[in-house]
Amino acid sequence: MSRTRISKGQEGYTLAALIVLLTIIAIVIAYTVPEQWSLVMKRERDRQTIFLMKQYARAILAWQMKHNNTVPVSLEQLQEARKPRMLRGDGKWPCPLTGNEDDWILVPPQALVANIPGQQQPTGGVTPGLSPPGSNRNRTPPGSTPPGGSPQFGNQQAATFKLNKELSPPDYKGPFVAVRPNASGKSFIALNEAEDYSEWVYTVEDLRKEIQARQAALAVR
């Protein structure tokens, strides 16, 4: 009889301990899973934004190929282009960071600062080999491409580009070589070493380099 009582007591104690343990686990999950899920969703939002920026770069490159190396001057040109279609669907893609299709900022060539190894960085957002805004030196028509390079970039295959936000304001209109989100704050994914949304940029030159890298990798195989 005593053994039966002890066994039942132990079973009751074990069940109570299990219930307490499950309760603690439930509380921990309730507090941690939503936060972890939020981080996952934010990273996915960053990936979607970068994907759309790359799609716009592809559309700009397609526009150049069709229009004698000139660049578009508005998103509407890319959205309304036919034969070939530059953007899938109607091309009016909401920015994943804001949810608004009007929150894409055009990036003009002069807003990109070239980071060339071994060369001193310029000030004022002037890319080496480019003319300062308003200068007549090496001037090319708006949206045109000088021989041997992409629009106003010159032949800087080794360069990477950083954004001068002052030369790419939200209300900018004119020739552009990239789009960027109208957002700010620390990003969850770095894009070309930029860790703030306001510094994100992915240009036609970035696309060309990515294509060349893929072709080189395939050639090695």
N, C-alpha and C. Protein backbone atom coordinates (compact mmCIF):
# COMPACT_ATOMS: atom_id res chain seq x y z
N MET A 1 0.84 -1.20 0.00
CA MET A 1 0.00 0.00 0.00
C MET A 1 0.88 1.26 0.00
N SER A 2 1.95 1.25 0.82
CA SER A 2 2.82 2.42 0.89
C SER A 2 3.53 2.66 -0.42
N ARG A 3 3.96 1.56 -1.06
CA ARG A 3 4.61 1.70 -2.35
C ARG A 3 3.68 2.32 -3.38
N THR A 4 2.43 1.94 -3.36
CA THR A 4 1.44 2.49 -4.30
C THR A 4 1.26 3.97 -4.08
N ARG A 5 1.19 4.35 -2.78
CA ARG A 5 1.03 5.77 -2.47
C ARG A 5 2.24 6.57 -2.92
N ILE A 6 3.43 6.06 -2.70
CA ILE A 6 4.65 6.76 -3.12
C ILE A 6 4.70 6.89 -4.63
N SER A 7 4.33 5.82 -5.34
CA SER A 7 4.34 5.84 -6.80
C SER A 7 3.38 6.88 -7.34
N LYS A 8 2.20 6.93 -6.76
CA LYS A 8 1.22 7.93 -7.22
C LYS A 8 1.69 9.34 -6.91
N GLY A 9 2.33 9.50 -5.74
CA GLY A 9 2.85 10.82 -5.39
C GLY A 9 3.93 11.28 -6.33
N GLN A 10 4.81 10.36 -6.69
CA GLN A 10 5.86 10.69 -7.64
C GLN A 10 5.29 11.05 -9.00
N GLU A 11 4.28 10.29 -9.42
CA GLU A 11 3.64 10.59 -10.71
C GLU A 11 3.01 11.99 -10.69
N GLY A 12 2.36 12.31 -9.59
CA GLY A 12 1.75 13.63 -9.49
C GLY A 12 2.79 14.74 -9.51
N TYR A 13 3.91 14.52 -8.80
CA TYR A 13 4.99 15.50 -8.79
C TYR A 13 5.59 15.67 -10.18
N THR A 14 5.82 14.55 -10.89
CA THR A 14 6.38 14.60 -12.24
C THR A 14 5.45 15.35 -13.18
N LEU A 15 4.15 15.09 -13.08
CA LEU A 15 3.18 15.77 -13.94
C LEU A 15 3.15 17.27 -13.67
N ALA A 16 3.20 17.64 -12.39
CA ALA A 16 3.21 19.06 -12.04
C ALA A 16 4.46 19.74 -12.57
N ALA A 17 5.61 19.06 -12.43
CA ALA A 17 6.87 19.63 -12.95
C ALA A 17 6.82 19.79 -14.45
N LEU A 18 6.22 18.81 -15.13
CA LEU A 18 6.11 18.89 -16.59
C LEU A 18 5.22 20.06 -17.00
N ILE A 19 4.14 20.26 -16.28
CA ILE A 19 3.24 21.38 -16.59
C ILE A 19 3.96 22.72 -16.40
N VAL A 20 4.72 22.82 -15.30
CA VAL A 20 5.48 24.06 -15.06
C VAL A 20 6.50 24.28 -16.17
N LEU A 21 7.20 23.20 -16.57
CA LEU A 21 8.20 23.31 -17.62
C LEU A 21 7.57 23.75 -18.94
N LEU A 22 6.45 23.15 -19.29
CA LEU A 22 5.76 23.52 -20.53
C LEU A 22 5.28 24.96 -20.48
N THR A 23 4.84 25.39 -19.31
CA THR A 23 4.40 26.79 -19.16
C THR A 23 5.55 27.76 -19.39
N ILE A 24 6.72 27.42 -18.82
CA ILE A 24 7.91 28.26 -19.01
C ILE A 24 8.31 28.32 -20.48
N ILE A 25 8.28 27.16 -21.14
CA ILE A 25 8.63 27.10 -22.55
C ILE A 25 7.66 27.94 -23.37
N ALA A 26 6.37 27.86 -23.03
CA ALA A 26 5.35 28.63 -23.76
C ALA A 26 5.58 30.13 -23.60
N ILE A 27 5.97 30.53 -22.38
CA ILE A 27 6.22 31.96 -22.13
C ILE A 27 7.44 32.43 -22.92
N VAL A 28 8.50 31.61 -22.92
CA VAL A 28 9.71 31.96 -23.66
C VAL A 28 9.40 32.09 -25.15
N ILE A 29 8.64 31.15 -25.70
CA ILE A 29 8.29 31.19 -27.12
C ILE A 29 7.45 32.43 -27.42
N ALA A 30 6.53 32.73 -26.52
CA ALA A 30 5.65 33.89 -26.74
C ALA A 30 6.43 35.19 -26.83
N TYR A 31 7.56 35.26 -26.10
CA TYR A 31 8.34 36.49 -26.09
C TYR A 31 9.44 36.51 -27.15
N THR A 32 9.93 35.37 -27.57
CA THR A 32 11.08 35.34 -28.49
C THR A 32 10.69 35.08 -29.94
N VAL A 33 9.74 34.21 -30.19
CA VAL A 33 9.39 33.87 -31.58
C VAL A 33 8.90 35.07 -32.37
N PRO A 34 7.99 35.89 -31.84
CA PRO A 34 7.58 37.07 -32.62
C PRO A 34 8.74 37.97 -33.01
N GLU A 35 9.70 38.17 -32.08
CA GLU A 35 10.85 39.02 -32.38
C GLU A 35 11.71 38.39 -33.47
N GLN A 36 11.98 37.08 -33.34
CA GLN A 36 12.77 36.39 -34.34
C GLN A 36 12.07 36.41 -35.69
N TRP A 37 10.76 36.19 -35.67
CA TRP A 37 9.99 36.21 -36.92
C TRP A 37 10.03 37.60 -37.54
N SER A 38 9.99 38.63 -36.71
CA SER A 38 10.07 40.00 -37.21
C SER A 38 11.40 40.24 -37.90
N LEU A 39 12.50 39.73 -37.32
CA LEU A 39 13.81 39.88 -37.95
C LEU A 39 13.86 39.17 -39.29
N VAL A 40 13.27 37.99 -39.35
CA VAL A 40 13.23 37.24 -40.61
C VAL A 40 12.47 38.03 -41.67
N MET A 41 11.34 38.61 -41.28
CA MET A 41 10.53 39.36 -42.24
C MET A 41 11.26 40.62 -42.70
N LYS A 42 12.00 41.26 -41.80
CA LYS A 42 12.73 42.47 -42.17
C LYS A 42 13.86 42.15 -43.14
N ARG A 43 14.55 41.04 -42.91
CA ARG A 43 15.61 40.63 -43.84
C ARG A 43 15.01 40.29 -45.21
N GLU A 44 13.87 39.63 -45.20
CA GLU A 44 13.22 39.30 -46.47
C GLU A 44 12.78 40.56 -47.20
N ARG A 45 12.33 41.56 -46.45
CA ARG A 45 11.95 42.84 -47.05
C ARG A 45 13.15 43.50 -47.70
N ASP A 46 14.32 43.42 -47.05
CA ASP A 46 15.55 43.96 -47.63
C ASP A 46 15.89 43.24 -48.92
N ARG A 47 15.78 41.91 -48.92
CA ARG A 47 16.09 41.13 -50.12
C ARG A 47 15.16 41.51 -51.27
N GLN A 48 13.89 41.69 -50.98
CA GLN A 48 12.94 42.08 -52.02
C GLN A 48 13.26 43.45 -52.59
N THR A 49 13.68 44.36 -51.73
CA THR A 49 14.04 45.71 -52.19
C THR A 49 15.26 45.66 -53.11
N ILE A 50 16.27 44.90 -52.71
CA ILE A 50 17.47 44.76 -53.54
C ILE A 50 17.13 44.10 -54.87
N PHE A 51 16.25 43.10 -54.83
CA PHE A 51 15.84 42.43 -56.06
C PHE A 51 15.19 43.41 -57.03
N LEU A 52 14.30 44.27 -56.53
CA LEU A 52 13.64 45.24 -57.41
C LEU A 52 14.62 46.29 -57.92
N MET A 53 15.57 46.69 -57.09
CA MET A 53 16.60 47.63 -57.55
C MET A 53 17.39 47.04 -58.71
N LYS A 54 17.67 45.74 -58.62
CA LYS A 54 18.39 45.07 -59.71
C LYS A 54 17.52 44.96 -60.96
N GLN A 55 16.22 44.77 -60.78
CA GLN A 55 15.33 44.71 -61.93
C GLN A 55 15.27 46.05 -62.65
N TYR A 56 15.28 47.12 -61.89
CA TYR A 56 15.31 48.45 -62.52
C TYR A 56 16.63 48.67 -63.25
N ALA A 57 17.73 48.18 -62.67
CA ALA A 57 19.03 48.32 -63.35
C ALA A 57 19.01 47.54 -64.67
N ARG A 58 18.40 46.36 -64.66
CA ARG A 58 18.30 45.58 -65.90
C ARG A 58 17.46 46.32 -66.94
N ALA A 59 16.40 46.97 -66.48
CA ALA A 59 15.55 47.72 -67.40
C ALA A 59 16.31 48.91 -68.00
N ILE A 60 17.11 49.59 -67.18
CA ILE A 60 17.91 50.71 -67.67
C ILE A 60 18.92 50.22 -68.70
N LEU A 61 19.54 49.08 -68.43
CA LEU A 61 20.50 48.52 -69.38
C LEU A 61 19.82 48.16 -70.69
N ALA A 62 18.63 47.58 -70.61
CA ALA A 62 17.87 47.24 -71.82
C ALA A 62 17.51 48.50 -72.60
N TRP A 63 17.17 49.56 -71.87
CA TRP A 63 16.86 50.84 -72.51
C TRP A 63 18.07 51.37 -73.26
N GLN A 64 19.25 51.29 -72.64
CA GLN A 64 20.48 51.74 -73.28
C GLN A 64 20.74 50.98 -74.58
N MET A 65 20.56 49.68 -74.52
CA MET A 65 20.83 48.84 -75.68
C MET A 65 19.89 49.17 -76.84
N LYS A 66 18.69 49.59 -76.53
CA LYS A 66 17.72 49.90 -77.58
C LYS A 66 17.84 51.32 -78.08
N HIS A 67 18.30 52.23 -77.24
CA HIS A 67 18.29 53.66 -77.57
C HIS A 67 19.69 54.25 -77.68
N ASN A 68 20.57 53.55 -78.35
CA ASN A 68 21.91 54.08 -78.66
C ASN A 68 22.66 54.58 -77.43
N ASN A 69 22.64 53.79 -76.38
CA ASN A 69 23.40 54.08 -75.16
C ASN A 69 22.94 55.32 -74.41
N THR A 70 21.72 55.77 -74.65
CA THR A 70 21.17 56.84 -73.82
C THR A 70 20.44 56.20 -72.64
N VAL A 71 20.29 56.96 -71.59
CA VAL A 71 19.60 56.45 -70.41
C VAL A 71 18.23 57.10 -70.29
N PRO A 72 17.28 56.45 -69.63
CA PRO A 72 15.94 57.04 -69.48
C PRO A 72 15.97 58.25 -68.56
N VAL A 73 14.93 59.06 -68.65
CA VAL A 73 14.85 60.25 -67.81
C VAL A 73 13.66 60.18 -66.85
N SER A 74 12.90 59.09 -66.88
CA SER A 74 11.78 58.93 -65.95
C SER A 74 11.42 57.45 -65.86
N LEU A 75 10.83 57.07 -64.75
CA LEU A 75 10.38 55.69 -64.59
C LEU A 75 9.26 55.37 -65.57
N GLU A 76 8.48 56.39 -65.93
CA GLU A 76 7.38 56.16 -66.86
C GLU A 76 7.88 55.64 -68.20
N GLN A 77 9.06 56.10 -68.63
CA GLN A 77 9.62 55.60 -69.89
C GLN A 77 9.85 54.10 -69.83
N LEU A 78 10.37 53.62 -68.71
CA LEU A 78 10.60 52.19 -68.56
C LEU A 78 9.29 51.42 -68.43
N GLN A 79 8.34 52.01 -67.70
CA GLN A 79 7.07 51.34 -67.48
C GLN A 79 6.24 51.23 -68.75
N GLU A 80 6.35 52.23 -69.61
CA GLU A 80 5.53 52.26 -70.83
C GLU A 80 6.23 51.64 -72.03
N ALA A 81 7.48 51.24 -71.88
CA ALA A 81 8.24 50.70 -73.01
C ALA A 81 7.65 49.37 -73.47
N ARG A 82 7.59 49.20 -74.77
CA ARG A 82 7.12 47.96 -75.39
C ARG A 82 8.08 47.60 -76.53
N LYS A 83 8.12 46.33 -76.81
CA LYS A 83 8.93 45.81 -77.92
C LYS A 83 10.39 46.28 -77.86
N PRO A 84 11.16 45.89 -76.91
CA PRO A 84 10.80 44.94 -75.85
C PRO A 84 10.23 45.62 -74.63
N ARG A 85 9.54 44.86 -73.83
CA ARG A 85 9.04 45.36 -72.55
C ARG A 85 10.21 45.42 -71.56
N MET A 86 10.39 46.57 -70.94
CA MET A 86 11.53 46.76 -70.04
C MET A 86 11.26 46.21 -68.64
N LEU A 87 10.01 46.35 -68.18
CA LEU A 87 9.64 45.91 -66.84
C LEU A 87 8.47 44.96 -66.92
N ARG A 88 8.48 43.96 -66.07
CA ARG A 88 7.38 43.01 -66.06
C ARG A 88 6.12 43.65 -65.50
N GLY A 89 4.97 43.21 -66.00
CA GLY A 89 3.71 43.80 -65.57
C GLY A 89 3.63 45.24 -66.00
N ASP A 90 3.06 46.07 -65.16
CA ASP A 90 3.01 47.50 -65.48
C ASP A 90 4.23 48.24 -64.96
N GLY A 91 5.11 47.51 -64.22
CA GLY A 91 6.34 48.13 -63.73
C GLY A 91 6.14 49.07 -62.55
N LYS A 92 4.93 49.17 -62.05
CA LYS A 92 4.68 50.05 -60.92
C LYS A 92 4.78 49.23 -59.64
N TRP A 93 6.03 49.05 -59.22
CA TRP A 93 6.31 48.17 -58.09
C TRP A 93 6.43 48.97 -56.80
N PRO A 94 5.61 48.66 -55.79
CA PRO A 94 5.77 49.34 -54.50
C PRO A 94 7.13 49.03 -53.89
N CYS A 95 7.71 50.00 -53.22
CA CYS A 95 8.96 49.79 -52.51
C CYS A 95 8.68 48.93 -51.29
N PRO A 96 9.30 47.77 -51.15
CA PRO A 96 9.02 46.90 -49.99
C PRO A 96 9.28 47.56 -48.64
N LEU A 97 10.16 48.54 -48.62
CA LEU A 97 10.49 49.20 -47.35
C LEU A 97 9.39 50.15 -46.89
N THR A 98 8.64 50.69 -47.83
CA THR A 98 7.61 51.68 -47.49
C THR A 98 6.21 51.26 -47.91
N GLY A 99 6.13 50.35 -48.88
CA GLY A 99 4.83 49.92 -49.38
C GLY A 99 4.21 50.87 -50.39
N ASN A 100 4.99 51.87 -50.83
CA ASN A 100 4.48 52.88 -51.74
C ASN A 100 5.24 52.82 -53.06
N GLU A 101 4.53 52.76 -54.17
CA GLU A 101 5.19 52.67 -55.48
C GLU A 101 5.86 53.96 -55.89
N ASP A 102 5.54 55.07 -55.22
CA ASP A 102 6.15 56.36 -55.54
C ASP A 102 7.41 56.62 -54.71
N ASP A 103 7.83 55.66 -53.90
CA ASP A 103 8.98 55.87 -53.03
C ASP A 103 10.27 55.32 -53.61
N TRP A 104 10.43 55.46 -54.93
CA TRP A 104 11.70 55.17 -55.58
C TRP A 104 12.33 56.49 -56.00
N ILE A 105 13.58 56.70 -55.62
CA ILE A 105 14.30 57.93 -55.95
C ILE A 105 15.25 57.66 -57.11
N LEU A 106 15.24 58.52 -58.11
CA LEU A 106 16.13 58.37 -59.25
C LEU A 106 17.55 58.80 -58.87
N VAL A 107 18.52 58.06 -59.35
CA VAL A 107 19.93 58.34 -59.05
C VAL A 107 20.62 58.81 -60.33
N PRO A 108 20.98 60.10 -60.42
CA PRO A 108 21.68 60.59 -61.61
C PRO A 108 23.14 60.15 -61.60
N PRO A 109 23.79 60.14 -62.75
CA PRO A 109 25.20 59.73 -62.80
C PRO A 109 26.09 60.55 -61.88
N GLN A 110 25.83 61.87 -61.79
CA GLN A 110 26.71 62.73 -61.00
C GLN A 110 26.57 62.50 -59.50
N ALA A 111 25.59 61.71 -59.06
CA ALA A 111 25.42 61.43 -57.64
C ALA A 111 26.29 60.27 -57.18
N LEU A 112 27.06 59.67 -58.09
CA LEU A 112 27.88 58.52 -57.76
C LEU A 112 29.34 58.93 -57.67
N VAL A 113 29.96 58.57 -56.57
CA VAL A 113 31.36 58.88 -56.34
C VAL A 113 32.15 57.60 -56.56
N ALA A 114 33.13 57.65 -57.46
CA ALA A 114 33.93 56.46 -57.76
C ALA A 114 34.95 56.22 -56.67
N ASN A 115 35.03 54.98 -56.24
CA ASN A 115 36.03 54.58 -55.26
C ASN A 115 37.05 53.72 -55.97
N ILE A 116 38.10 54.36 -56.48
CA ILE A 116 39.13 53.66 -57.24
C ILE A 116 40.35 53.45 -56.36
N PRO A 117 40.81 52.21 -56.19
CA PRO A 117 41.97 51.95 -55.35
C PRO A 117 43.19 52.77 -55.80
N GLY A 118 43.84 53.43 -54.83
CA GLY A 118 45.05 54.18 -55.13
C GLY A 118 44.81 55.61 -55.54
N GLN A 119 43.52 56.03 -55.63
CA GLN A 119 43.23 57.41 -56.00
C GLN A 119 42.55 58.12 -54.86
N GLN A 120 42.84 59.41 -54.71
CA GLN A 120 42.24 60.21 -53.67
C GLN A 120 40.78 60.46 -54.00
N GLN A 121 39.93 60.36 -52.99
CA GLN A 121 38.51 60.54 -53.21
C GLN A 121 38.17 62.01 -53.41
N PRO A 122 37.33 62.32 -54.40
CA PRO A 122 36.94 63.71 -54.62
C PRO A 122 35.91 64.15 -53.61
N THR A 123 35.66 65.43 -53.56
CA THR A 123 34.61 65.96 -52.71
C THR A 123 33.49 66.49 -53.57
N GLY A 124 32.30 66.62 -52.97
CA GLY A 124 31.18 67.20 -53.68
C GLY A 124 30.49 66.25 -54.62
N GLY A 125 30.75 64.95 -54.49
CA GLY A 125 30.02 63.99 -55.30
C GLY A 125 30.46 63.95 -56.75
N VAL A 126 31.68 64.42 -57.05
CA VAL A 126 32.16 64.41 -58.43
C VAL A 126 32.97 63.15 -58.66
N THR A 127 32.54 62.31 -59.57
CA THR A 127 33.24 61.08 -59.86
C THR A 127 34.47 61.36 -60.69
N PRO A 128 35.64 60.74 -60.37
CA PRO A 128 36.83 60.94 -61.18
C PRO A 128 36.55 60.67 -62.65
N GLY A 129 36.96 61.62 -63.49
CA GLY A 129 36.71 61.46 -64.92
C GLY A 129 35.41 62.10 -65.36
N LEU A 130 34.63 62.63 -64.39
CA LEU A 130 33.37 63.27 -64.73
C LEU A 130 33.47 64.76 -64.53
N SER A 131 32.55 65.48 -65.13
CA SER A 131 32.52 66.92 -64.98
C SER A 131 31.64 67.30 -63.81
N PRO A 132 32.01 68.32 -63.03
CA PRO A 132 31.13 68.79 -61.97
C PRO A 132 29.84 69.33 -62.58
N PRO A 133 28.74 69.28 -61.82
CA PRO A 133 27.49 69.84 -62.33
C PRO A 133 27.66 71.28 -62.76
N GLY A 134 27.24 71.60 -63.97
CA GLY A 134 27.33 72.95 -64.49
C GLY A 134 28.61 73.22 -65.25
N SER A 135 29.57 72.29 -65.21
CA SER A 135 30.82 72.49 -65.92
C SER A 135 30.67 72.15 -67.38
N ASN A 136 31.50 72.76 -68.24
CA ASN A 136 31.47 72.46 -69.67
C ASN A 136 32.54 71.46 -70.06
N ARG A 137 33.35 71.01 -69.08
CA ARG A 137 34.43 70.08 -69.40
C ARG A 137 33.86 68.68 -69.62
N ASN A 138 34.22 68.09 -70.75
CA ASN A 138 33.78 66.73 -71.07
C ASN A 138 32.27 66.59 -71.04
N ARG A 139 31.57 67.66 -71.38
CA ARG A 139 30.11 67.60 -71.31
C ARG A 139 29.57 66.69 -72.40
N THR A 140 28.57 65.89 -72.04
CA THR A 140 27.84 65.04 -72.99
C THR A 140 26.38 65.39 -72.90
N PRO A 141 25.61 65.18 -73.96
CA PRO A 141 24.19 65.49 -73.91
C PRO A 141 23.50 64.70 -72.81
N PRO A 142 22.40 65.25 -72.24
CA PRO A 142 21.70 64.55 -71.16
C PRO A 142 21.30 63.15 -71.58
N GLY A 143 21.67 62.18 -70.73
CA GLY A 143 21.29 60.81 -70.98
C GLY A 143 22.16 60.09 -71.97
N SER A 144 23.17 60.74 -72.53
CA SER A 144 24.00 60.09 -73.54
C SER A 144 25.17 59.38 -72.90
N THR A 145 25.81 58.52 -73.67
CA THR A 145 26.94 57.74 -73.19
C THR A 145 28.18 58.08 -73.98
N PRO A 146 29.27 58.51 -73.33
CA PRO A 146 30.50 58.78 -74.05
C PRO A 146 31.11 57.48 -74.52
N PRO A 147 31.92 57.53 -75.60
CA PRO A 147 32.53 56.31 -76.11
C PRO A 147 33.40 55.63 -75.06
N GLY A 148 33.29 54.31 -74.99
CA GLY A 148 34.15 53.52 -74.13
C GLY A 148 33.68 53.38 -72.71
N GLY A 149 32.46 53.80 -72.41
CA GLY A 149 32.01 53.65 -71.03
C GLY A 149 30.53 53.81 -70.91
N SER A 150 30.01 53.65 -69.70
CA SER A 150 28.60 53.83 -69.44
C SER A 150 28.32 55.31 -69.23
N PRO A 151 27.07 55.74 -69.06
CA PRO A 151 26.72 57.15 -69.04
C PRO A 151 27.55 57.97 -68.05
N GLN A 152 28.42 58.85 -68.59
CA GLN A 152 29.20 59.80 -67.82
C GLN A 152 30.15 59.14 -66.83
N PHE A 153 30.33 57.83 -66.91
CA PHE A 153 31.23 57.17 -65.99
C PHE A 153 32.64 57.10 -66.53
N GLY A 154 32.81 57.16 -67.85
CA GLY A 154 34.12 56.89 -68.42
C GLY A 154 34.40 55.41 -68.32
N ASN A 155 35.64 55.03 -68.58
CA ASN A 155 36.01 53.62 -68.55
C ASN A 155 36.66 53.30 -67.22
N GLN A 156 35.86 53.03 -66.19
CA GLN A 156 36.36 52.80 -64.84
C GLN A 156 35.93 51.41 -64.38
N GLN A 157 36.48 50.40 -65.03
CA GLN A 157 36.05 49.05 -64.76
C GLN A 157 36.42 48.62 -63.34
N ALA A 158 37.49 49.21 -62.76
CA ALA A 158 37.93 48.78 -61.43
C ALA A 158 37.21 49.54 -60.32
N ALA A 159 36.37 50.50 -60.68
CA ALA A 159 35.78 51.37 -59.68
C ALA A 159 34.53 50.75 -59.07
N THR A 160 34.32 51.06 -57.80
CA THR A 160 33.03 50.83 -57.17
C THR A 160 32.46 52.21 -56.88
N PHE A 161 31.15 52.27 -56.70
CA PHE A 161 30.52 53.58 -56.58
C PHE A 161 29.75 53.71 -55.28
N LYS A 162 29.88 54.87 -54.67
CA LYS A 162 29.11 55.20 -53.49
C LYS A 162 28.21 56.39 -53.81
N LEU A 163 27.16 56.50 -53.04
CA LEU A 163 26.13 57.50 -53.32
C LEU A 163 26.38 58.80 -52.57
N ASN A 164 26.26 59.91 -53.30
CA ASN A 164 26.20 61.23 -52.68
C ASN A 164 24.73 61.62 -52.63
N LYS A 165 24.12 61.49 -51.45
CA LYS A 165 22.67 61.68 -51.33
C LYS A 165 22.23 63.09 -51.70
N GLU A 166 23.12 64.08 -51.49
CA GLU A 166 22.76 65.47 -51.79
C GLU A 166 22.49 65.67 -53.27
N LEU A 167 23.11 64.85 -54.12
CA LEU A 167 22.92 64.98 -55.56
C LEU A 167 21.85 64.03 -56.09
N SER A 168 21.17 63.34 -55.18
CA SER A 168 20.07 62.45 -55.57
C SER A 168 18.89 62.70 -54.64
N PRO A 169 18.30 63.91 -54.72
CA PRO A 169 17.17 64.24 -53.83
C PRO A 169 15.90 63.52 -54.27
N PRO A 170 14.93 63.38 -53.37
CA PRO A 170 13.68 62.69 -53.72
C PRO A 170 12.93 63.30 -54.90
N ASP A 171 13.10 64.59 -55.13
CA ASP A 171 12.36 65.25 -56.21
C ASP A 171 13.16 65.34 -57.50
N TYR A 172 14.29 64.63 -57.58
CA TYR A 172 15.12 64.71 -58.79
C TYR A 172 14.37 64.15 -60.00
N LYS A 173 14.52 64.83 -61.13
CA LYS A 173 13.99 64.36 -62.41
C LYS A 173 15.05 64.57 -63.47
N GLY A 174 15.25 63.56 -64.29
CA GLY A 174 16.26 63.67 -65.33
C GLY A 174 16.92 62.33 -65.58
N PRO A 175 18.00 62.31 -66.35
CA PRO A 175 18.70 61.05 -66.66
C PRO A 175 19.12 60.33 -65.39
N PHE A 176 18.91 59.03 -65.34
CA PHE A 176 19.27 58.28 -64.15
C PHE A 176 19.84 56.92 -64.53
N VAL A 177 20.69 56.41 -63.64
CA VAL A 177 21.36 55.12 -63.88
C VAL A 177 21.03 54.11 -62.80
N ALA A 178 20.15 54.47 -61.88
CA ALA A 178 19.74 53.56 -60.82
C ALA A 178 18.55 54.16 -60.09
N VAL A 179 17.91 53.35 -59.27
CA VAL A 179 16.90 53.85 -58.35
C VAL A 179 17.29 53.41 -56.95
N ARG A 180 16.81 54.15 -55.96
CA ARG A 180 17.08 53.80 -54.58
C ARG A 180 15.81 54.02 -53.76
N PRO A 181 15.68 53.34 -52.62
CA PRO A 181 14.46 53.49 -51.82
C PRO A 181 14.44 54.82 -51.07
N ASN A 182 13.27 55.37 -50.93
CA ASN A 182 13.10 56.61 -50.17
C ASN A 182 12.91 56.23 -48.69
N ALA A 183 13.99 55.74 -48.10
CA ALA A 183 13.96 55.27 -46.71
C ALA A 183 15.31 55.52 -46.07
N SER A 184 15.34 55.49 -44.76
CA SER A 184 16.59 55.66 -44.02
C SER A 184 16.56 54.75 -42.81
N GLY A 185 17.71 54.57 -42.20
CA GLY A 185 17.82 53.68 -41.06
C GLY A 185 18.75 52.52 -41.37
N LYS A 186 19.22 51.86 -40.33
CA LYS A 186 20.16 50.75 -40.49
C LYS A 186 19.46 49.58 -41.15
N SER A 187 20.08 49.08 -42.21
CA SER A 187 19.52 47.94 -42.94
C SER A 187 19.95 46.63 -42.29
N PHE A 188 19.23 45.57 -42.59
CA PHE A 188 19.57 44.25 -42.08
C PHE A 188 20.50 43.51 -43.04
N ILE A 189 20.59 44.00 -44.27
CA ILE A 189 21.50 43.45 -45.27
C ILE A 189 22.30 44.60 -45.85
N ALA A 190 23.60 44.45 -45.96
CA ALA A 190 24.45 45.48 -46.56
C ALA A 190 24.43 45.33 -48.07
N LEU A 191 24.31 46.46 -48.77
CA LEU A 191 24.33 46.48 -50.23
C LEU A 191 25.54 47.28 -50.68
N ASN A 192 26.49 46.63 -51.33
CA ASN A 192 27.73 47.29 -51.74
C ASN A 192 28.38 48.02 -50.56
N GLU A 193 28.41 47.33 -49.42
CA GLU A 193 29.02 47.81 -48.18
C GLU A 193 28.22 48.93 -47.51
N ALA A 194 27.09 49.32 -48.07
CA ALA A 194 26.25 50.35 -47.45
C ALA A 194 25.27 49.67 -46.49
N GLU A 195 25.24 50.15 -45.24
CA GLU A 195 24.41 49.54 -44.21
C GLU A 195 23.28 50.46 -43.76
N ASP A 196 23.03 51.51 -44.52
CA ASP A 196 21.90 52.40 -44.26
C ASP A 196 21.07 52.48 -45.54
N TYR A 197 19.76 52.39 -45.39
CA TYR A 197 18.89 52.39 -46.57
C TYR A 197 19.10 53.63 -47.44
N SER A 198 19.40 54.75 -46.81
CA SER A 198 19.57 56.00 -47.56
C SER A 198 20.84 55.99 -48.40
N GLU A 199 21.74 55.02 -48.17
CA GLU A 199 22.99 54.94 -48.92
C GLU A 199 22.98 53.79 -49.93
N TRP A 200 21.90 53.06 -49.99
CA TRP A 200 21.81 51.95 -50.93
C TRP A 200 21.80 52.44 -52.37
N VAL A 201 22.54 51.79 -53.24
CA VAL A 201 22.49 52.07 -54.67
C VAL A 201 23.00 50.86 -55.42
N TYR A 202 22.34 50.55 -56.52
CA TYR A 202 22.76 49.46 -57.40
C TYR A 202 22.61 49.97 -58.83
N THR A 203 23.74 50.24 -59.47
CA THR A 203 23.74 50.92 -60.76
C THR A 203 23.84 49.94 -61.92
N VAL A 204 23.75 50.49 -63.11
CA VAL A 204 23.96 49.69 -64.32
C VAL A 204 25.36 49.10 -64.33
N GLU A 205 26.34 49.87 -63.82
CA GLU A 205 27.71 49.37 -63.76
C GLU A 205 27.81 48.17 -62.82
N ASP A 206 27.10 48.21 -61.70
CA ASP A 206 27.08 47.06 -60.79
C ASP A 206 26.51 45.84 -61.49
N LEU A 207 25.46 46.06 -62.28
CA LEU A 207 24.85 44.96 -63.02
C LEU A 207 25.82 44.37 -64.04
N ARG A 208 26.52 45.25 -64.76
CA ARG A 208 27.49 44.78 -65.75
C ARG A 208 28.58 43.93 -65.09
N LYS A 209 29.07 44.40 -63.95
CA LYS A 209 30.12 43.66 -63.25
C LYS A 209 29.60 42.31 -62.76
N GLU A 210 28.36 42.29 -62.31
CA GLU A 210 27.78 41.02 -61.86
C GLU A 210 27.64 40.04 -63.02
N ILE A 211 27.21 40.54 -64.18
CA ILE A 211 27.08 39.69 -65.36
C ILE A 211 28.45 39.16 -65.79
N GLN A 212 29.45 40.05 -65.79
CA GLN A 212 30.81 39.63 -66.17
C GLN A 212 31.36 38.59 -65.21
N ALA A 213 31.08 38.75 -63.91
CA ALA A 213 31.56 37.78 -62.92
C ALA A 213 30.91 36.41 -63.15
N ARG A 214 29.62 36.40 -63.47
CA ARG A 214 28.95 35.15 -63.74
C ARG A 214 29.50 34.47 -65.00
N GLN A 215 29.75 35.27 -66.03
CA GLN A 215 30.31 34.72 -67.26
C GLN A 215 31.70 34.15 -67.03
N ALA A 216 32.50 34.85 -66.21
CA ALA A 216 33.83 34.35 -65.90
C ALA A 216 33.77 33.05 -65.13
N ALA A 217 32.81 32.96 -64.19
CA ALA A 217 32.67 31.73 -63.42
C ALA A 217 32.26 30.55 -64.32
N LEU A 218 31.36 30.82 -65.27
CA LEU A 218 30.94 29.77 -66.18
C LEU A 218 32.09 29.35 -67.10
N ALA A 219 32.93 30.32 -67.47
CA ALA A 219 34.06 30.00 -68.35
C ALA A 219 35.06 29.09 -67.66
N VAL A 220 35.23 29.29 -66.34
CA VAL A 220 36.16 28.45 -65.58
C VAL A 220 35.67 27.01 -65.52
N ARG A 221 34.35 26.83 -65.42
CA ARG A 221 33.78 25.49 -65.39
C ARG A 221 34.00 24.76 -66.73
